Amino acid sequence: MSSQCPLCNSSKIASLRNAMKIGAAIGTVGGAAQGASSALAGGRLGAAVGAIAGPLGITLGAISGAVLGGLAGGVGGCALGAQLGEKLDRHVLANNLCLICGHRFNLPA
């Protein structure tokens, strides 16, 4: 989308996206924490499936289940946090900066 500065009509606009970056970081941490708690259940399930292969299978199954649970939670949290941050940047915060006159503004809804 091509936007223009509402003050000077310049098309040289920078989008700062601070909330998106912060939201993605917080979402990643929160999602990984949620994924870690889910990883305990995943580790138990992985250990149960790995029990077919004996003690080594139980260990590898538990570790892989825990790691995959943490990764899945982190990715999901990052995506959700980035979407929320993008909405904040676009409609709430004045995160568009005109590079000509220095005016900060929101994009139109």
PDB file of N, CA and C in Angstrom:
ATOM      1  N   MET A   1       0.833  -1.165   0.000  1.00  0.00           N
ATOM      2  CA  MET A   1       0.000   0.000   0.000  1.00  0.00           C
ATOM      3  C   MET A   1       0.887   1.240   0.000  1.00  0.00           C
ATOM      4  N   SER A   2       0.606   2.134  -0.910  1.00  0.00           N
ATOM      5  CA  SER A   2       1.360   3.369  -1.004  1.00  0.00           C
ATOM      6  C   SER A   2       0.679   4.425  -0.146  1.00  0.00           C
ATOM      7  N   SER A   3       1.389   4.919   0.842  1.00  0.00           N
ATOM      8  CA  SER A   3       0.807   5.941   1.707  1.00  0.00           C
ATOM      9  C   SER A   3       1.552   7.249   1.512  1.00  0.00           C
ATOM     10  N   GLN A   4       0.863   8.311   1.841  1.00  0.00           N
ATOM     11  CA  GLN A   4       1.453   9.640   1.742  1.00  0.00           C
ATOM     12  C   GLN A   4       1.314  10.345   3.075  1.00  0.00           C
ATOM     13  N   CYS A   5       2.222  11.236   3.324  1.00  0.00           N
ATOM     14  CA  CYS A   5       2.169  12.044   4.540  1.00  0.00           C
ATOM     15  C   CYS A   5       0.952  12.963   4.462  1.00  0.00           C
ATOM     16  N   PRO A   6       0.112  12.986   5.489  1.00  0.00           N
ATOM     17  CA  PRO A   6      -1.055  13.866   5.447  1.00  0.00           C
ATOM     18  C   PRO A   6      -0.699  15.356   5.568  1.00  0.00           C
ATOM     19  N   LEU A   7       0.529  15.639   5.965  1.00  0.00           N
ATOM     20  CA  LEU A   7       0.934  17.033   6.149  1.00  0.00           C
ATOM     21  C   LEU A   7       1.560  17.625   4.884  1.00  0.00           C
ATOM     22  N   CYS A   8       2.510  16.892   4.276  1.00  0.00           N
ATOM     23  CA  CYS A   8       3.223  17.443   3.117  1.00  0.00           C
ATOM     24  C   CYS A   8       3.010  16.637   1.837  1.00  0.00           C
ATOM     25  N   ASN A   9       2.227  15.554   1.897  1.00  0.00           N
ATOM     26  CA  ASN A   9       1.912  14.683   0.750  1.00  0.00           C
ATOM     27  C   ASN A   9       3.128  13.978   0.166  1.00  0.00           C
ATOM     28  N   SER A  10       4.174  13.843   0.927  1.00  0.00           N
ATOM     29  CA  SER A  10       5.351  13.116   0.469  1.00  0.00           C
ATOM     30  C   SER A  10       5.074  11.613   0.522  1.00  0.00           C
ATOM     31  N   SER A  11       5.647  10.885  -0.413  1.00  0.00           N
ATOM     32  CA  SER A  11       5.491   9.424  -0.405  1.00  0.00           C
ATOM     33  C   SER A  11       6.694   8.731   0.243  1.00  0.00           C
ATOM     34  N   LYS A  12       7.619   9.493   0.772  1.00  0.00           N
ATOM     35  CA  LYS A  12       8.793   8.918   1.447  1.00  0.00           C
ATOM     36  C   LYS A  12       8.439   8.705   2.914  1.00  0.00           C
ATOM     37  N   ILE A  13       7.918   7.512   3.199  1.00  0.00           N
ATOM     38  CA  ILE A  13       7.396   7.168   4.512  1.00  0.00           C
ATOM     39  C   ILE A  13       8.183   5.978   5.064  1.00  0.00           C
ATOM     40  N   ALA A  14       8.519   6.027   6.330  1.00  0.00           N
ATOM     41  CA  ALA A  14       9.159   4.902   7.016  1.00  0.00           C
ATOM     42  C   ALA A  14       8.177   4.361   8.053  1.00  0.00           C
ATOM     43  N   SER A  15       8.017   3.034   8.069  1.00  0.00           N
ATOM     44  CA  SER A  15       7.182   2.379   9.091  1.00  0.00           C
ATOM     45  C   SER A  15       8.108   1.818  10.156  1.00  0.00           C
ATOM     46  N   LEU A  16       7.924   2.274  11.400  1.00  0.00           N
ATOM     47  CA  LEU A  16       8.858   1.911  12.465  1.00  0.00           C
ATOM     48  C   LEU A  16       8.607   0.511  13.023  1.00  0.00           C
ATOM     49  N   ARG A  17       7.373   0.067  13.138  1.00  0.00           N
ATOM     50  CA  ARG A  17       6.991  -1.282  13.567  1.00  0.00           C
ATOM     51  C   ARG A  17       7.577  -1.700  14.916  1.00  0.00           C
ATOM     52  N   ASN A  18       7.622  -0.793  15.861  1.00  0.00           N
ATOM     53  CA  ASN A  18       8.163  -1.125  17.184  1.00  0.00           C
ATOM     54  C   ASN A  18       7.289  -2.128  17.917  1.00  0.00           C
ATOM     55  N   ALA A  19       5.971  -1.938  17.885  1.00  0.00           N
ATOM     56  CA  ALA A  19       5.073  -2.846  18.605  1.00  0.00           C
ATOM     57  C   ALA A  19       5.119  -4.246  18.023  1.00  0.00           C
ATOM     58  N   MET A  20       5.301  -4.367  16.703  1.00  0.00           N
ATOM     59  CA  MET A  20       5.373  -5.687  16.096  1.00  0.00           C
ATOM     60  C   MET A  20       6.616  -6.441  16.587  1.00  0.00           C
ATOM     61  N   LYS A  21       7.730  -5.748  16.675  1.00  0.00           N
ATOM     62  CA  LYS A  21       8.959  -6.384  17.140  1.00  0.00           C
ATOM     63  C   LYS A  21       8.839  -6.815  18.599  1.00  0.00           C
ATOM     64  N   ILE A  22       8.303  -5.923  19.416  1.00  0.00           N
ATOM     65  CA  ILE A  22       8.144  -6.235  20.839  1.00  0.00           C
ATOM     66  C   ILE A  22       7.113  -7.338  21.032  1.00  0.00           C
ATOM     67  N   GLY A  23       6.004  -7.266  20.301  1.00  0.00           N
ATOM     68  CA  GLY A  23       4.967  -8.299  20.390  1.00  0.00           C
ATOM     69  C   GLY A  23       5.480  -9.661  19.973  1.00  0.00           C
ATOM     70  N   ALA A  24       6.291  -9.698  18.930  1.00  0.00           N
ATOM     71  CA  ALA A  24       6.852 -10.971  18.483  1.00  0.00           C
ATOM     72  C   ALA A  24       7.793 -11.553  19.540  1.00  0.00           C
ATOM     73  N   ALA A  25       8.605 -10.702  20.161  1.00  0.00           N
ATOM     74  CA  ALA A  25       9.535 -11.181  21.186  1.00  0.00           C
ATOM     75  C   ALA A  25       8.792 -11.695  22.419  1.00  0.00           C
ATOM     76  N   ILE A  26       7.801 -10.933  22.872  1.00  0.00           N
ATOM     77  CA  ILE A  26       7.028 -11.361  24.043  1.00  0.00           C
ATOM     78  C   ILE A  26       6.222 -12.610  23.719  1.00  0.00           C
ATOM     79  N   GLY A  27       5.650 -12.650  22.518  1.00  0.00           N
ATOM     80  CA  GLY A  27       4.899 -13.827  22.101  1.00  0.00           C
ATOM     81  C   GLY A  27       5.760 -15.072  22.018  1.00  0.00           C
ATOM     82  N   THR A  28       6.994 -14.913  21.572  1.00  0.00           N
ATOM     83  CA  THR A  28       7.904 -16.051  21.495  1.00  0.00           C
ATOM     84  C   THR A  28       8.207 -16.593  22.884  1.00  0.00           C
ATOM     85  N   VAL A  29       8.508 -15.693  23.810  1.00  0.00           N
ATOM     86  CA  VAL A  29       8.813 -16.130  25.178  1.00  0.00           C
ATOM     87  C   VAL A  29       7.593 -16.783  25.821  1.00  0.00           C
ATOM     88  N   GLY A  30       6.436 -16.133  25.689  1.00  0.00           N
ATOM     89  CA  GLY A  30       5.209 -16.695  26.258  1.00  0.00           C
ATOM     90  C   GLY A  30       4.820 -18.010  25.613  1.00  0.00           C
ATOM     91  N   GLY A  31       4.945 -18.073  24.303  1.00  0.00           N
ATOM     92  CA  GLY A  31       4.615 -19.312  23.604  1.00  0.00           C
ATOM     93  C   GLY A  31       5.568 -20.439  23.948  1.00  0.00           C
ATOM     94  N   ALA A  32       6.842 -20.106  24.106  1.00  0.00           N
ATOM     95  CA  ALA A  32       7.808 -21.137  24.489  1.00  0.00           C
ATOM     96  C   ALA A  32       7.540 -21.634  25.905  1.00  0.00           C
ATOM     97  N   ALA A  33       7.135 -20.714  26.794  1.00  0.00           N
ATOM     98  CA  ALA A  33       6.804 -21.137  28.159  1.00  0.00           C
ATOM     99  C   ALA A  33       5.580 -22.039  28.162  1.00  0.00           C
ATOM    100  N   GLN A  34       4.573 -21.666  27.378  1.00  0.00           N
ATOM    101  CA  GLN A  34       3.388 -22.512  27.264  1.00  0.00           C
ATOM    102  C   GLN A  34       3.753 -23.824  26.597  1.00  0.00           C
ATOM    103  N   GLY A  35       4.609 -23.763  25.600  1.00  0.00           N
ATOM    104  CA  GLY A  35       5.062 -24.974  24.928  1.00  0.00           C
ATOM    105  C   GLY A  35       5.869 -25.872  25.846  1.00  0.00           C
ATOM    106  N   ALA A  36       6.624 -25.260  26.765  1.00  0.00           N
ATOM    107  CA  ALA A  36       7.403 -26.062  27.708  1.00  0.00           C
ATOM    108  C   ALA A  36       6.490 -26.827  28.656  1.00  0.00           C
ATOM    109  N   SER A  37       5.391 -26.189  29.084  1.00  0.00           N
ATOM    110  CA  SER A  37       4.458 -26.921  29.943  1.00  0.00           C
ATOM    111  C   SER A  37       3.742 -28.013  29.148  1.00  0.00           C
ATOM    112  N   SER A  38       3.451 -27.735  27.900  1.00  0.00           N
ATOM    113  CA  SER A  38       2.871 -28.766  27.045  1.00  0.00           C
ATOM    114  C   SER A  38       3.906 -29.841  26.716  1.00  0.00           C
ATOM    115  N   ALA A  39       5.175 -29.450  26.768  1.00  0.00           N
ATOM    116  CA  ALA A  39       6.236 -30.393  26.442  1.00  0.00           C
ATOM    117  C   ALA A  39       6.304 -31.526  27.449  1.00  0.00           C
ATOM    118  N   LEU A  40       5.897 -31.253  28.681  1.00  0.00           N
ATOM    119  CA  LEU A  40       5.868 -32.330  29.668  1.00  0.00           C
ATOM    120  C   LEU A  40       4.905 -33.421  29.223  1.00  0.00           C
ATOM    121  N   ALA A  41       3.737 -33.003  28.739  1.00  0.00           N
ATOM    122  CA  ALA A  41       2.785 -33.987  28.214  1.00  0.00           C
ATOM    123  C   ALA A  41       3.335 -34.625  26.951  1.00  0.00           C
ATOM    124  N   GLY A  42       3.978 -33.811  26.101  1.00  0.00           N
ATOM    125  CA  GLY A  42       4.586 -34.358  24.883  1.00  0.00           C
ATOM    126  C   GLY A  42       5.717 -35.316  25.200  1.00  0.00           C
ATOM    127  N   GLY A  43       6.466 -34.998  26.240  1.00  0.00           N
ATOM    128  CA  GLY A  43       7.557 -35.892  26.651  1.00  0.00           C
ATOM    129  C   GLY A  43       7.031 -37.219  27.143  1.00  0.00           C
ATOM    130  N   ARG A  44       5.934 -37.184  27.879  1.00  0.00           N
ATOM    131  CA  ARG A  44       5.331 -38.433  28.347  1.00  0.00           C
ATOM    132  C   ARG A  44       4.810 -39.254  27.174  1.00  0.00           C
ATOM    133  N   LEU A  45       4.172 -38.573  26.230  1.00  0.00           N
ATOM    134  CA  LEU A  45       3.665 -39.279  25.050  1.00  0.00           C
ATOM    135  C   LEU A  45       4.823 -39.833  24.227  1.00  0.00           C
ATOM    136  N   GLY A  46       5.875 -39.027  24.061  1.00  0.00           N
ATOM    137  CA  GLY A  46       7.050 -39.492  23.317  1.00  0.00           C
ATOM    138  C   GLY A  46       7.716 -40.676  24.002  1.00  0.00           C
ATOM    139  N   ALA A  47       7.750 -40.660  25.324  1.00  0.00           N
ATOM    140  CA  ALA A  47       8.335 -41.778  26.071  1.00  0.00           C
ATOM    141  C   ALA A  47       7.482 -43.027  25.900  1.00  0.00           C
ATOM    142  N   ALA A  48       6.161 -42.851  25.887  1.00  0.00           N
ATOM    143  CA  ALA A  48       5.275 -44.006  25.711  1.00  0.00           C
ATOM    144  C   ALA A  48       5.448 -44.602  24.324  1.00  0.00           C
ATOM    145  N   VAL A  49       5.547 -43.752  23.301  1.00  0.00           N
ATOM    146  CA  VAL A  49       5.745 -44.260  21.938  1.00  0.00           C
ATOM    147  C   VAL A  49       7.136 -44.870  21.803  1.00  0.00           C
ATOM    148  N   GLY A  50       8.138 -44.225  22.415  1.00  0.00           N
ATOM    149  CA  GLY A  50       9.507 -44.730  22.332  1.00  0.00           C
ATOM    150  C   GLY A  50       9.745 -45.981  23.140  1.00  0.00           C
ATOM    151  N   ALA A  51       8.796 -46.357  24.006  1.00  0.00           N
ATOM    152  CA  ALA A  51       8.970 -47.551  24.835  1.00  0.00           C
ATOM    153  C   ALA A  51       9.072 -48.810  23.986  1.00  0.00           C
ATOM    154  N   ILE A  52       8.591 -48.741  22.781  1.00  0.00           N
ATOM    155  CA  ILE A  52       8.679 -49.887  21.874  1.00  0.00           C
ATOM    156  C   ILE A  52      10.140 -50.221  21.594  1.00  0.00           C
ATOM    157  N   ALA A  53      10.986 -49.200  21.534  1.00  0.00           N
ATOM    158  CA  ALA A  53      12.394 -49.396  21.209  1.00  0.00           C
ATOM    159  C   ALA A  53      13.261 -49.613  22.441  1.00  0.00           C
ATOM    160  N   GLY A  54      12.681 -49.662  23.619  1.00  0.00           N
ATOM    161  CA  GLY A  54      13.460 -49.919  24.823  1.00  0.00           C
ATOM    162  C   GLY A  54      13.877 -48.635  25.525  1.00  0.00           C
ATOM    163  N   PRO A  55      14.857 -48.741  26.455  1.00  0.00           N
ATOM    164  CA  PRO A  55      15.259 -47.587  27.262  1.00  0.00           C
ATOM    165  C   PRO A  55      15.781 -46.407  26.430  1.00  0.00           C
ATOM    166  N   LEU A  56      16.531 -46.684  25.385  1.00  0.00           N
ATOM    167  CA  LEU A  56      17.033 -45.592  24.542  1.00  0.00           C
ATOM    168  C   LEU A  56      15.875 -44.906  23.822  1.00  0.00           C
ATOM    169  N   GLY A  57      14.903 -45.686  23.388  1.00  0.00           N
ATOM    170  CA  GLY A  57      13.727 -45.119  22.721  1.00  0.00           C
ATOM    171  C   GLY A  57      12.911 -44.257  23.657  1.00  0.00           C
ATOM    172  N   ILE A  58      12.809 -44.662  24.939  1.00  0.00           N
ATOM    173  CA  ILE A  58      12.073 -43.855  25.918  1.00  0.00           C
ATOM    174  C   ILE A  58      12.757 -42.505  26.098  1.00  0.00           C
ATOM    175  N   THR A  59      14.073 -42.516  26.240  1.00  0.00           N
ATOM    176  CA  THR A  59      14.830 -41.283  26.439  1.00  0.00           C
ATOM    177  C   THR A  59      14.727 -40.373  25.226  1.00  0.00           C
ATOM    178  N   LEU A  60      14.984 -40.914  24.042  1.00  0.00           N
ATOM    179  CA  LEU A  60      14.918 -40.107  22.827  1.00  0.00           C
ATOM    180  C   LEU A  60      13.497 -39.621  22.557  1.00  0.00           C
ATOM    181  N   GLY A  61      12.511 -40.451  22.827  1.00  0.00           N
ATOM    182  CA  GLY A  61      11.121 -40.052  22.628  1.00  0.00           C
ATOM    183  C   GLY A  61      10.717 -38.921  23.558  1.00  0.00           C
ATOM    184  N   ALA A  62      11.140 -38.990  24.821  1.00  0.00           N
ATOM    185  CA  ALA A  62      10.810 -37.943  25.786  1.00  0.00           C
ATOM    186  C   ALA A  62      11.485 -36.623  25.411  1.00  0.00           C
ATOM    187  N   ILE A  63      12.757 -36.681  25.035  1.00  0.00           N
ATOM    188  CA  ILE A  63      13.483 -35.466  24.664  1.00  0.00           C
ATOM    189  C   ILE A  63      12.906 -34.843  23.402  1.00  0.00           C
ATOM    190  N   SER A  64      12.657 -35.667  22.392  1.00  0.00           N
ATOM    191  CA  SER A  64      12.131 -35.117  21.142  1.00  0.00           C
ATOM    192  C   SER A  64      10.726 -34.557  21.334  1.00  0.00           C
ATOM    193  N   GLY A  65       9.905 -35.203  22.143  1.00  0.00           N
ATOM    194  CA  GLY A  65       8.572 -34.677  22.422  1.00  0.00           C
ATOM    195  C   GLY A  65       8.631 -33.337  23.129  1.00  0.00           C
ATOM    196  N   ALA A  66       9.555 -33.199  24.090  1.00  0.00           N
ATOM    197  CA  ALA A  66       9.696 -31.940  24.822  1.00  0.00           C
ATOM    198  C   ALA A  66      10.208 -30.823  23.916  1.00  0.00           C
ATOM    199  N   VAL A  67      11.185 -31.119  23.084  1.00  0.00           N
ATOM    200  CA  VAL A  67      11.752 -30.112  22.184  1.00  0.00           C
ATOM    201  C   VAL A  67      10.708 -29.657  21.162  1.00  0.00           C
ATOM    202  N   LEU A  68      10.002 -30.590  20.572  1.00  0.00           N
ATOM    203  CA  LEU A  68       8.988 -30.226  19.580  1.00  0.00           C
ATOM    204  C   LEU A  68       7.850 -29.423  20.213  1.00  0.00           C
ATOM    205  N   GLY A  69       7.469 -29.749  21.438  1.00  0.00           N
ATOM    206  CA  GLY A  69       6.443 -28.969  22.133  1.00  0.00           C
ATOM    207  C   GLY A  69       6.884 -27.538  22.368  1.00  0.00           C
ATOM    208  N   GLY A  70       8.124 -27.347  22.800  1.00  0.00           N
ATOM    209  CA  GLY A  70       8.653 -26.005  23.024  1.00  0.00           C
ATOM    210  C   GLY A  70       8.764 -25.201  21.741  1.00  0.00           C
ATOM    211  N   LEU A  71       9.224 -25.847  20.661  1.00  0.00           N
ATOM    212  CA  LEU A  71       9.343 -25.156  19.383  1.00  0.00           C
ATOM    213  C   LEU A  71       7.983 -24.749  18.835  1.00  0.00           C
ATOM    214  N   ALA A  72       7.028 -25.653  18.905  1.00  0.00           N
ATOM    215  CA  ALA A  72       5.691 -25.349  18.399  1.00  0.00           C
ATOM    216  C   ALA A  72       5.066 -24.194  19.178  1.00  0.00           C
ATOM    217  N   GLY A  73       5.222 -24.182  20.480  1.00  0.00           N
ATOM    218  CA  GLY A  73       4.695 -23.082  21.288  1.00  0.00           C
ATOM    219  C   GLY A  73       5.372 -21.762  20.975  1.00  0.00           C
ATOM    220  N   GLY A  74       6.682 -21.778  20.799  1.00  0.00           N
ATOM    221  CA  GLY A  74       7.421 -20.555  20.483  1.00  0.00           C
ATOM    222  C   GLY A  74       7.034 -19.968  19.138  1.00  0.00           C
ATOM    223  N   VAL A  75       6.880 -20.812  18.140  1.00  0.00           N
ATOM    224  CA  VAL A  75       6.496 -20.341  16.810  1.00  0.00           C
ATOM    225  C   VAL A  75       5.085 -19.766  16.827  1.00  0.00           C
ATOM    226  N   GLY A  76       4.169 -20.464  17.479  1.00  0.00           N
ATOM    227  CA  GLY A  76       2.795 -19.976  17.563  1.00  0.00           C
ATOM    228  C   GLY A  76       2.697 -18.669  18.317  1.00  0.00           C
ATOM    229  N   GLY A  77       3.417 -18.557  19.417  1.00  0.00           N
ATOM    230  CA  GLY A  77       3.415 -17.319  20.199  1.00  0.00           C
ATOM    231  C   GLY A  77       4.024 -16.157  19.440  1.00  0.00           C
ATOM    232  N   CYS A  78       5.078 -16.425  18.686  1.00  0.00           N
ATOM    233  CA  CYS A  78       5.723 -15.373  17.893  1.00  0.00           C
ATOM    234  C   CYS A  78       4.766 -14.849  16.831  1.00  0.00           C
ATOM    235  N   ALA A  79       4.095 -15.745  16.139  1.00  0.00           N
ATOM    236  CA  ALA A  79       3.160 -15.333  15.088  1.00  0.00           C
ATOM    237  C   ALA A  79       2.006 -14.521  15.667  1.00  0.00           C
ATOM    238  N   LEU A  80       1.461 -14.972  16.780  1.00  0.00           N
ATOM    239  CA  LEU A  80       0.348 -14.264  17.396  1.00  0.00           C
ATOM    240  C   LEU A  80       0.790 -12.896  17.924  1.00  0.00           C
ATOM    241  N   GLY A  81       1.946 -12.839  18.570  1.00  0.00           N
ATOM    242  CA  GLY A  81       2.466 -11.563  19.076  1.00  0.00           C
ATOM    243  C   GLY A  81       2.777 -10.582  17.956  1.00  0.00           C
ATOM    244  N   ALA A  82       3.310 -11.075  16.844  1.00  0.00           N
ATOM    245  CA  ALA A  82       3.610 -10.197  15.710  1.00  0.00           C
ATOM    246  C   ALA A  82       2.334  -9.645  15.089  1.00  0.00           C
ATOM    247  N   GLN A  83       1.291 -10.460  15.010  1.00  0.00           N
ATOM    248  CA  GLN A  83       0.018  -9.974  14.459  1.00  0.00           C
ATOM    249  C   GLN A  83      -0.591  -8.903  15.353  1.00  0.00           C
ATOM    250  N   LEU A  84      -0.574  -9.139  16.655  1.00  0.00           N
ATOM    251  CA  LEU A  84      -1.107  -8.152  17.581  1.00  0.00           C
ATOM    252  C   LEU A  84      -0.301  -6.847  17.506  1.00  0.00           C
ATOM    253  N   GLY A  85       1.021  -6.973  17.478  1.00  0.00           N
ATOM    254  CA  GLY A  85       1.880  -5.790  17.375  1.00  0.00           C
ATOM    255  C   GLY A  85       1.669  -5.028  16.080  1.00  0.00           C
ATOM    256  N   GLU A  86       1.426  -5.750  14.994  1.00  0.00           N
ATOM    257  CA  GLU A  86       1.182  -5.102  13.705  1.00  0.00           C
ATOM    258  C   GLU A  86      -0.111  -4.303  13.748  1.00  0.00           C
ATOM    259  N   LYS A  87      -1.135  -4.841  14.391  1.00  0.00           N
ATOM    260  CA  LYS A  87      -2.404  -4.116  14.532  1.00  0.00           C
ATOM    261  C   LYS A  87      -2.214  -2.854  15.387  1.00  0.00           C
ATOM    262  N   LEU A  88      -1.443  -2.974  16.459  1.00  0.00           N
ATOM    263  CA  LEU A  88      -1.157  -1.799  17.289  1.00  0.00           C
ATOM    264  C   LEU A  88      -0.394  -0.736  16.506  1.00  0.00           C
ATOM    265  N   ASP A  89       0.614  -1.177  15.753  1.00  0.00           N
ATOM    266  CA  ASP A  89       1.390  -0.236  14.951  1.00  0.00           C
ATOM    267  C   ASP A  89       0.518   0.462  13.915  1.00  0.00           C
ATOM    268  N   ARG A  90      -0.359  -0.283  13.299  1.00  0.00           N
ATOM    269  CA  ARG A  90      -1.142   0.257  12.191  1.00  0.00           C
ATOM    270  C   ARG A  90      -2.239   1.217  12.645  1.00  0.00           C
ATOM    271  N   HIS A  91      -2.925   0.889  13.755  1.00  0.00           N
ATOM    272  CA  HIS A  91      -4.121   1.645  14.103  1.00  0.00           C
ATOM    273  C   HIS A  91      -4.023   2.465  15.393  1.00  0.00           C
ATOM    274  N   VAL A  92      -3.109   2.159  16.274  1.00  0.00           N
ATOM    275  CA  VAL A  92      -3.074   2.840  17.568  1.00  0.00           C
ATOM    276  C   VAL A  92      -1.874   3.775  17.677  1.00  0.00           C
ATOM    277  N   LEU A  93      -0.706   3.255  17.450  1.00  0.00           N
ATOM    278  CA  LEU A  93       0.514   4.051  17.605  1.00  0.00           C
ATOM    279  C   LEU A  93       0.810   4.830  16.321  1.00  0.00           C
ATOM    280  N   ALA A  94       1.377   5.989  16.460  1.00  0.00           N
ATOM    281  CA  ALA A  94       1.772   6.792  15.297  1.00  0.00           C
ATOM    282  C   ALA A  94       3.158   6.345  14.859  1.00  0.00           C
ATOM    283  N   ASN A  95       3.226   5.210  14.171  1.00  0.00           N
ATOM    284  CA  ASN A  95       4.516   4.620  13.825  1.00  0.00           C
ATOM    285  C   ASN A  95       4.890   4.775  12.363  1.00  0.00           C
ATOM    286  N   ASN A  96       4.275   5.700  11.687  1.00  0.00           N
ATOM    287  CA  ASN A  96       4.685   6.032  10.328  1.00  0.00           C
ATOM    288  C   ASN A  96       5.327   7.405  10.374  1.00  0.00           C
ATOM    289  N   LEU A  97       6.506   7.499   9.811  1.00  0.00           N
ATOM    290  CA  LEU A  97       7.297   8.720   9.894  1.00  0.00           C
ATOM    291  C   LEU A  97       7.573   9.233   8.490  1.00  0.00           C
ATOM    292  N   CYS A  98       7.209  10.478   8.252  1.00  0.00           N
ATOM    293  CA  CYS A  98       7.535  11.121   6.981  1.00  0.00           C
ATOM    294  C   CYS A  98       9.018  11.492   7.009  1.00  0.00           C
ATOM    295  N   LEU A  99       9.739  11.035   6.015  1.00  0.00           N
ATOM    296  CA  LEU A  99      11.177  11.303   5.974  1.00  0.00           C
ATOM    297  C   LEU A  99      11.499  12.716   5.482  1.00  0.00           C
ATOM    298  N   ILE A 100      10.492  13.419   4.974  1.00  0.00           N
ATOM    299  CA  ILE A 100      10.714  14.781   4.486  1.00  0.00           C
ATOM    300  C   ILE A 100      10.459  15.816   5.588  1.00  0.00           C
ATOM    301  N   CYS A 101       9.255  15.757   6.202  1.00  0.00           N
ATOM    302  CA  CYS A 101       8.906  16.794   7.183  1.00  0.00           C
ATOM    303  C   CYS A 101       8.980  16.298   8.635  1.00  0.00           C
ATOM    304  N   GLY A 102       9.140  14.986   8.859  1.00  0.00           N
ATOM    305  CA  GLY A 102       9.265  14.457  10.204  1.00  0.00           C
ATOM    306  C   GLY A 102       7.938  14.222  10.919  1.00  0.00           C
ATOM    307  N   HIS A 103       6.813  14.353  10.235  1.00  0.00           N
ATOM    308  CA  HIS A 103       5.493  14.157  10.830  1.00  0.00           C
ATOM    309  C   HIS A 103       5.250  12.669  11.081  1.00  0.00           C
ATOM    310  N   ARG A 104       4.714  12.331  12.279  1.00  0.00           N
ATOM    311  CA  ARG A 104       4.352  10.954  12.619  1.00  0.00           C
ATOM    312  C   ARG A 104       2.846  10.817  12.536  1.00  0.00           C
ATOM    313  N   PHE A 105       2.371   9.703  11.953  1.00  0.00           N
ATOM    314  CA  PHE A 105       0.940   9.524  11.766  1.00  0.00           C
ATOM    315  C   PHE A 105       0.577   8.051  11.674  1.00  0.00           C
ATOM    316  N   ASN A 106      -0.731   7.768  11.823  1.00  0.00           N
ATOM    317  CA  ASN A 106      -1.279   6.431  11.636  1.00  0.00           C
ATOM    318  C   ASN A 106      -1.716   6.265  10.202  1.00  0.00           C
ATOM    319  N   LEU A 107      -1.765   5.016   9.759  1.00  0.00           N
ATOM    320  CA  LEU A 107      -2.357   4.741   8.466  1.00  0.00           C
ATOM    321  C   LEU A 107      -3.865   4.834   8.573  1.00  0.00           C
ATOM    322  N   PRO A 108      -4.552   5.195   7.519  1.00  0.00           N
ATOM    323  CA  PRO A 108      -6.021   5.231   7.595  1.00  0.00           C
ATOM    324  C   PRO A 108      -6.599   3.832   7.783  1.00  0.00           C
ATOM    325  N   ALA A 109      -7.726   3.756   8.499  1.00  0.00           N
ATOM    326  CA  ALA A 109      -8.343   2.474   8.811  1.00  0.00           C
ATOM    327  C   ALA A 109      -8.996   1.864   7.646  1.00  0.00           C
TER     328      ALA A 109
END
